[in-house]
Amino acid sequence: MSADSQFPRKDWSRVQRRALRPTEVVTRLSALPGWTLAGDGPDVAIEKTFRFADWHETMAFVNAVAWIAHAQDHHPDLSVHYGRCVVRWRTHDVQGLSDTDLACAAQVDALLAAP
């Protein structure tokens, strides 16, 4: 099962979000290569570092992530550097991880998927 089919696009602004149980997080995270757990308790998040050749590629990626975040009404923490960007998702209103985080992570991965 691909990440896209497991995490379909949704209008998350209209969905009641709930915190995922730890077993759900581990199971679903296994479908997202390179994404890791960071933090703990209410600060738990998933994050991944993306690497690029230069600043322009990094910024193009950041703008594409911003478009996904706006479309999904869910906004990650971004750490932007020359040649790399760290994307960190968590759902503040549930103080943990939700389906939204994993779905958005899959959409970010799809930005760089080979055709």
Protein backbone atom coordinates (compact mmCIF):
# COMPACT_ATOMS: atom_id res chain seq x y z
CA MET A 1 0.00 0.00 0.00
CA SER A 2 1.47 3.35 -0.97
CA ALA A 3 1.63 6.31 1.40
CA ASP A 4 -0.73 8.25 -0.91
CA SER A 5 -3.44 5.59 -0.70
CA GLN A 6 -3.00 5.12 3.05
CA PHE A 7 -3.15 8.88 3.70
CA PRO A 8 -5.67 10.37 1.24
CA ARG A 9 -6.12 14.13 0.91
CA LYS A 10 -8.83 15.49 3.19
CA ASP A 11 -10.22 18.82 4.25
CA TRP A 12 -8.89 18.61 7.81
CA SER A 13 -10.53 21.88 8.77
CA ARG A 14 -13.85 19.98 8.81
CA VAL A 15 -12.65 16.91 10.71
CA GLN A 16 -12.66 16.43 14.48
CA ARG A 17 -9.05 15.50 15.17
CA ARG A 18 -8.00 13.04 17.86
CA ALA A 19 -4.62 12.05 19.21
CA LEU A 20 -3.38 8.74 17.85
CA ARG A 21 -2.45 5.99 20.28
CA PRO A 22 1.28 5.08 20.32
CA THR A 23 0.65 1.79 18.52
CA GLU A 24 -1.24 3.63 15.76
CA VAL A 25 1.65 6.09 15.36
CA VAL A 26 4.25 3.33 15.07
CA THR A 27 2.19 1.35 12.57
CA ARG A 28 1.38 4.31 10.34
CA LEU A 29 4.84 5.84 10.58
CA SER A 30 6.29 2.65 9.08
CA ALA A 31 4.63 3.65 5.77
CA LEU A 32 6.57 6.93 5.73
CA PRO A 33 10.28 6.23 5.12
CA GLY A 34 12.65 8.71 6.72
CA TRP A 35 10.12 10.23 9.11
CA THR A 36 11.06 9.84 12.77
CA LEU A 37 9.48 10.54 16.13
CA ALA A 38 10.80 13.57 17.98
CA GLY A 39 9.94 14.89 21.41
CA ASP A 40 7.59 13.24 23.85
CA GLY A 41 4.32 13.71 25.65
CA PRO A 42 2.35 16.71 24.36
CA ASP A 43 5.40 17.80 22.32
CA VAL A 44 5.69 14.57 20.33
CA ALA A 45 6.05 15.17 16.60
CA ILE A 46 7.20 13.50 13.42
CA GLU A 47 10.02 15.07 11.47
CA LYS A 48 12.19 14.56 8.44
CA THR A 49 15.17 16.38 6.96
CA PHE A 50 15.07 17.05 3.23
CA ARG A 51 18.33 17.93 1.44
CA PHE A 52 18.75 20.06 -1.68
CA ALA A 53 21.52 21.27 -3.97
CA ASP A 54 21.13 24.95 -3.12
CA TRP A 55 19.06 27.69 -1.52
CA HIS A 56 16.73 28.05 -4.50
CA GLU A 57 15.74 24.37 -4.44
CA THR A 58 15.25 24.55 -0.69
CA MET A 59 12.98 27.58 -0.97
CA ALA A 60 10.96 26.02 -3.80
CA PHE A 61 10.37 23.03 -1.51
CA VAL A 62 9.42 25.30 1.41
CA ASN A 63 6.88 27.11 -0.76
CA ALA A 64 5.39 23.80 -1.90
CA VAL A 65 5.11 22.65 1.73
CA ALA A 66 3.43 25.98 2.56
CA TRP A 67 0.87 25.32 -0.18
CA ILE A 68 0.11 21.86 1.26
CA ALA A 69 -0.17 23.34 4.77
CA HIS A 70 -2.59 26.01 3.60
CA ALA A 71 -4.69 23.55 1.60
CA GLN A 72 -4.89 21.17 4.56
CA ASP A 73 -5.35 23.90 7.20
CA HIS A 74 -2.47 22.29 9.11
CA HIS A 75 0.88 23.99 9.53
CA PRO A 76 4.24 22.37 10.30
CA ASP A 77 7.26 23.80 12.02
CA LEU A 78 9.94 24.36 9.41
CA SER A 79 13.65 24.80 10.01
CA VAL A 80 15.06 26.24 6.80
CA HIS A 81 18.78 26.23 6.00
CA TYR A 82 20.93 26.48 2.90
CA GLY A 83 20.51 23.10 1.20
CA ARG A 84 18.14 21.54 3.71
CA CYS A 85 14.78 21.87 5.42
CA VAL A 86 13.52 20.05 8.49
CA VAL A 87 9.75 19.54 8.45
CA ARG A 88 8.08 18.80 11.79
CA TRP A 89 4.38 17.93 12.09
CA ARG A 90 2.26 17.72 15.24
CA THR A 91 -1.33 18.57 16.07
CA HIS A 92 -1.32 21.25 18.74
CA ASP A 93 -5.02 21.03 19.58
CA VAL A 94 -4.77 17.31 20.48
CA GLN A 95 -1.34 17.72 22.12
CA GLY A 96 0.12 14.89 20.08
CA LEU A 97 -0.05 13.29 16.67
CA SER A 98 -3.16 12.87 14.56
CA ASP A 99 -4.06 11.43 11.17
CA THR A 100 -3.55 14.92 9.80
CA ASP A 101 0.17 14.86 10.57
CA LEU A 102 0.74 11.57 8.81
CA ALA A 103 -1.38 12.53 5.81
CA CYS A 104 0.47 15.82 5.41
CA ALA A 105 3.85 14.04 5.75
CA ALA A 106 2.83 11.71 2.90
CA GLN A 107 1.89 14.70 0.75
CA VAL A 108 5.27 16.33 1.42
CA ASP A 109 7.02 13.09 0.42
CA ALA A 110 4.98 13.05 -2.79
CA LEU A 111 6.49 16.41 -3.76
CA LEU A 112 9.84 14.69 -4.34
CA ALA A 113 8.61 11.32 -5.60
CA ALA A 114 9.99 10.29 -8.95
CA PRO A 115 7.33 10.29 -11.71
